[in-house]
N, C-alpha and C. Protein backbone atom coordinates (compact mmCIF):
# COMPACT_ATOMS: atom_id res chain seq x y z
N MET A 1 0.46 -1.17 0.18
CA MET A 1 0.04 -0.18 -0.32
C MET A 1 0.84 1.62 0.38
N PRO A 2 0.93 2.12 -1.25
CA PRO A 2 2.33 3.56 -1.48
C PRO A 2 1.35 4.58 -0.47
N ILE A 3 2.64 4.97 0.12
CA ILE A 3 1.71 6.40 0.32
C ILE A 3 2.06 7.51 -0.50
N TYR A 4 1.71 8.18 -0.80
CA TYR A 4 2.01 9.42 -2.42
C TYR A 4 1.58 10.37 -1.79
N GLU A 5 2.44 11.62 -2.34
CA GLU A 5 2.87 13.09 -1.39
C GLU A 5 2.12 13.97 -2.95
N PHE A 6 1.52 14.98 -2.24
CA PHE A 6 0.66 16.03 -3.09
C PHE A 6 0.94 17.57 -2.67
N ARG A 7 1.28 18.24 -3.44
CA ARG A 7 1.76 19.49 -3.02
C ARG A 7 -0.11 20.35 -3.38
N CYS A 8 -0.55 21.15 -2.81
CA CYS A 8 -1.23 21.79 -3.17
C CYS A 8 -0.92 23.06 -4.15
N VAL A 9 -1.12 23.25 -5.31
CA VAL A 9 -0.89 24.43 -6.32
C VAL A 9 -1.39 25.60 -5.77
N LYS A 10 -2.32 25.85 -4.90
CA LYS A 10 -2.77 26.98 -4.25
C LYS A 10 -1.44 27.75 -3.53
N CYS A 11 -1.41 27.10 -2.52
CA CYS A 11 -1.19 27.00 -1.16
C CYS A 11 0.28 26.51 -0.84
N GLY A 12 0.57 25.61 -2.12
CA GLY A 12 1.64 24.90 -1.85
C GLY A 12 1.82 23.58 0.02
N ASN A 13 0.52 23.91 0.36
CA ASN A 13 0.77 22.39 1.72
C ASN A 13 0.82 21.06 1.15
N ILE A 14 1.82 20.29 1.62
CA ILE A 14 1.79 19.07 1.39
C ILE A 14 0.98 17.90 2.00
N GLU A 15 0.00 17.30 1.16
CA GLU A 15 -0.70 16.77 2.08
C GLU A 15 -0.39 14.66 1.14
N GLU A 16 0.10 13.78 2.78
CA GLU A 16 0.18 12.54 2.34
C GLU A 16 -1.24 11.54 2.00
N VAL A 17 -0.98 11.13 1.21
CA VAL A 17 -2.16 9.84 0.58
C VAL A 17 -1.90 8.31 0.52
N LEU A 18 -2.30 7.75 1.52
CA LEU A 18 -2.41 6.29 1.73
C LEU A 18 -3.42 5.70 0.37
N PHE A 19 -2.53 4.75 -0.52
CA PHE A 19 -4.08 4.28 -1.47
C PHE A 19 -3.50 2.74 -1.09
N ILE A 20 -4.72 2.32 -0.90
CA ILE A 20 -5.26 1.01 -0.37
C ILE A 20 -5.37 -0.10 -1.79
N SER A 21 -5.71 0.71 -2.98
CA SER A 21 -5.73 -0.43 -4.51
C SER A 21 -5.44 0.74 -5.73
N SER A 22 -4.60 -0.37 -6.89
CA SER A 22 -4.46 0.65 -7.50
C SER A 22 -5.64 1.66 -8.51
N LYS A 23 -6.63 0.86 -8.33
CA LYS A 23 -8.22 0.92 -9.04
C LYS A 23 -8.85 2.16 -8.27
N GLU A 24 -8.29 3.15 -6.67
CA GLU A 24 -8.95 3.29 -6.28
C GLU A 24 -9.29 4.90 -6.69
N GLU A 25 -10.28 5.56 -6.45
CA GLU A 25 -10.02 7.27 -6.87
C GLU A 25 -10.33 7.66 -5.91
N ILE A 26 -9.91 8.70 -5.21
CA ILE A 26 -10.04 10.07 -3.84
C ILE A 26 -9.57 11.32 -4.37
N LYS A 27 -10.62 11.83 -4.25
CA LYS A 27 -10.87 12.85 -4.22
C LYS A 27 -10.46 13.81 -3.19
N LEU A 28 -9.20 14.65 -3.43
CA LEU A 28 -8.56 14.85 -2.86
C LEU A 28 -8.50 16.58 -2.55
N HIS A 29 -8.55 16.83 -1.17
CA HIS A 29 -9.28 18.58 -1.06
C HIS A 29 -7.94 18.92 0.28
N CYS A 30 -7.33 20.27 0.10
CA CYS A 30 -6.60 21.39 1.17
C CYS A 30 -6.53 21.04 2.02
N ASN A 31 -6.31 20.58 3.23
CA ASN A 31 -6.54 21.09 4.79
C ASN A 31 -6.14 22.26 5.12
N GLN A 32 -5.31 22.96 4.37
CA GLN A 32 -5.16 24.21 4.64
C GLN A 32 -5.92 25.40 3.71
N CYS A 33 -6.08 25.16 2.74
CA CYS A 33 -6.83 26.33 2.44
C CYS A 33 -8.29 25.48 1.26
N GLY A 34 -8.61 24.34 1.55
CA GLY A 34 -9.48 23.70 0.56
C GLY A 34 -9.34 23.34 -0.92
N GLY A 35 -8.09 24.28 -1.38
CA GLY A 35 -8.24 23.79 -3.11
C GLY A 35 -8.10 22.41 -3.34
N GLU A 36 -8.07 22.25 -4.64
CA GLU A 36 -8.58 20.42 -5.26
C GLU A 36 -7.62 20.28 -6.46
N GLU A 37 -6.55 21.79 -6.60
CA GLU A 37 -5.81 21.02 -7.64
C GLU A 37 -4.35 20.76 -7.15
N PHE A 38 -3.95 19.35 -7.27
CA PHE A 38 -2.03 19.28 -6.79
C PHE A 38 -1.74 18.62 -7.93
N GLU A 39 -0.10 18.62 -7.14
CA GLU A 39 0.17 17.77 -8.01
C GLU A 39 0.78 17.04 -7.55
N ARG A 40 1.72 15.56 -7.91
CA ARG A 40 2.19 15.25 -7.31
C ARG A 40 3.37 15.45 -7.59
N ILE A 41 4.48 14.93 -6.07
CA ILE A 41 5.66 15.16 -5.59
C ILE A 41 6.56 13.89 -5.58
N VAL A 42 8.14 14.13 -5.35
CA VAL A 42 8.51 12.95 -5.25
C VAL A 42 9.05 12.59 -3.90
N SER A 43 8.51 11.79 -3.25
CA SER A 43 8.93 12.11 -1.49
C SER A 43 10.42 11.53 -1.36
N ARG A 44 10.48 12.50 0.25
CA ARG A 44 12.29 11.65 0.29
C ARG A 44 12.12 10.51 0.93
N THR A 45 13.41 9.99 0.87
CA THR A 45 13.19 8.62 1.39
C THR A 45 14.27 8.98 3.10
N SER A 46 14.49 7.76 3.26
CA SER A 46 15.71 8.00 4.42
C SER A 46 16.35 6.19 4.51
N HIS A 47 17.51 5.98 4.68
CA HIS A 47 18.59 5.01 4.59
C HIS A 47 19.17 5.16 5.68
N PHE A 48 19.52 4.16 6.52
CA PHE A 48 20.04 3.96 7.74
C PHE A 48 21.45 2.81 7.52
N VAL A 49 22.96 3.14 7.81
CA VAL A 49 23.57 2.34 7.53
C VAL A 49 24.60 2.02 8.79
N LYS A 50 24.32 0.58 9.41
CA LYS A 50 24.50 0.41 10.48
C LYS A 50 26.34 1.11 10.49
N THR A 51 27.20 1.40 11.89
CA THR A 51 28.34 2.16 11.72
C THR A 51 29.53 1.58 12.16
N SER A 52 28.70 -0.07 13.06
CA SER A 52 30.14 -0.73 13.84
C SER A 52 29.56 -1.87 13.40
N PHE A 53 30.49 -2.98 13.06
CA PHE A 53 30.33 -4.83 12.58
C PHE A 53 30.71 -5.33 13.87
N SER A 54 30.35 -6.90 14.05
CA SER A 54 30.69 -7.85 14.88
C SER A 54 32.10 -8.15 14.16
N SER A 55 31.96 -8.00 12.79
CA SER A 55 33.35 -9.39 12.66
C SER A 55 34.18 -8.24 12.08
N GLY A 56 33.90 -6.45 12.20
CA GLY A 56 35.45 -5.31 11.89
C GLY A 56 35.11 -5.53 10.27
N GLU A 57 34.13 -5.66 9.69
CA GLU A 57 33.93 -5.52 8.15
C GLU A 57 32.79 -4.49 7.73
N GLY A 58 33.05 -3.29 7.52
CA GLY A 58 31.48 -2.64 7.66
C GLY A 58 31.95 -1.93 5.99
N PRO A 59 30.97 -1.69 5.45
CA PRO A 59 30.76 -0.57 4.28
C PRO A 59 32.05 0.43 3.92
N SER A 60 32.36 0.30 2.41
CA SER A 60 33.55 0.70 2.17
C SER A 60 32.99 2.10 1.01
N LEU A 61 33.71 2.56 0.61
CA LEU A 61 32.91 3.75 -0.21
C LEU A 61 34.17 3.59 -1.54
N THR A 62 33.80 4.07 -2.47
CA THR A 62 34.68 3.52 -3.69
C THR A 62 34.50 4.70 -4.72
N SER A 63 35.56 5.52 -4.79
CA SER A 63 35.16 6.80 -5.77
C SER A 63 35.70 6.90 -6.85
N ARG A 64 34.77 7.16 -8.04
CA ARG A 64 35.92 7.05 -9.23
C ARG A 64 35.17 8.31 -10.51
N SER A 65 36.04 8.12 -11.49
CA SER A 65 35.58 9.18 -12.24
C SER A 65 34.77 8.50 -13.07
N CYS A 66 33.55 9.46 -13.42
CA CYS A 66 32.42 8.85 -14.19
C CYS A 66 32.74 10.02 -15.81
N SER A 67 32.83 11.44 -15.22
CA SER A 67 32.94 11.58 -16.67
C SER A 67 33.88 12.98 -16.57
N PRO A 68 34.27 13.64 -17.70
CA PRO A 68 34.99 14.76 -17.23
C PRO A 68 34.77 15.32 -16.75
N GLY A 69 35.31 15.92 -15.11
CA GLY A 69 34.97 16.89 -14.35
C GLY A 69 33.73 16.37 -13.52
N SER A 70 33.62 14.96 -13.25
CA SER A 70 32.78 14.53 -12.24
C SER A 70 33.62 13.43 -11.49
N SER A 71 32.58 12.82 -10.60
CA SER A 71 32.93 11.97 -10.03
C SER A 71 31.62 11.08 -9.35
N CYS A 72 31.74 10.30 -9.29
CA CYS A 72 30.65 9.00 -8.71
C CYS A 72 31.04 8.31 -7.71
N SER A 73 30.13 7.74 -7.00
CA SER A 73 30.90 6.44 -5.42
C SER A 73 30.00 5.49 -5.66
N THR A 74 30.71 4.50 -5.41
CA THR A 74 29.30 3.49 -4.70
C THR A 74 29.66 2.66 -3.34
N ILE A 75 28.68 2.42 -2.81
CA ILE A 75 28.90 1.91 -1.68
C ILE A 75 28.62 0.21 -1.39
N THR A 76 29.83 -0.38 -0.70
CA THR A 76 29.96 -1.56 -0.81
C THR A 76 29.12 -2.02 0.78
N LEU A 77 28.73 -3.06 0.54
CA LEU A 77 27.76 -3.03 2.05
C LEU A 77 27.85 -5.07 2.14
N PRO A 78 28.52 -4.79 3.53
CA PRO A 78 28.96 -6.40 4.10
C PRO A 78 27.14 -7.08 3.65
N GLY A 79 27.81 -8.84 3.46
CA GLY A 79 26.23 -9.20 3.42
C GLY A 79 25.59 -9.31 2.06
N TYR A 80 25.50 -7.97 1.30
CA TYR A 80 24.83 -8.07 -0.29
C TYR A 80 25.44 -7.98 -0.85
N THR A 81 25.05 -9.35 -1.99
CA THR A 81 25.31 -10.07 -2.59
C THR A 81 24.05 -9.52 -3.94
N LYS A 82 24.33 -9.30 -5.48
CA LYS A 82 23.64 -9.51 -6.43
C LYS A 82 23.35 -10.51 -6.67
């Protein structure tokens, strides 16, 4: 059951909506101004990486050049395999 975030076009207030099914229709209204026109926004996410490991083996960060003038980083997590 995904939770989506929508921004009110009129006042900028952000509303979260839980969708029970993909066929569900919901009539949105802003709790701040009563507006009914919204735009979907990309939700923020958070990630937690444990910083101390009993085996002494922790995550490692590898930096490399991706293109001229820029760099990319790859994080390797212990116990994760593709």
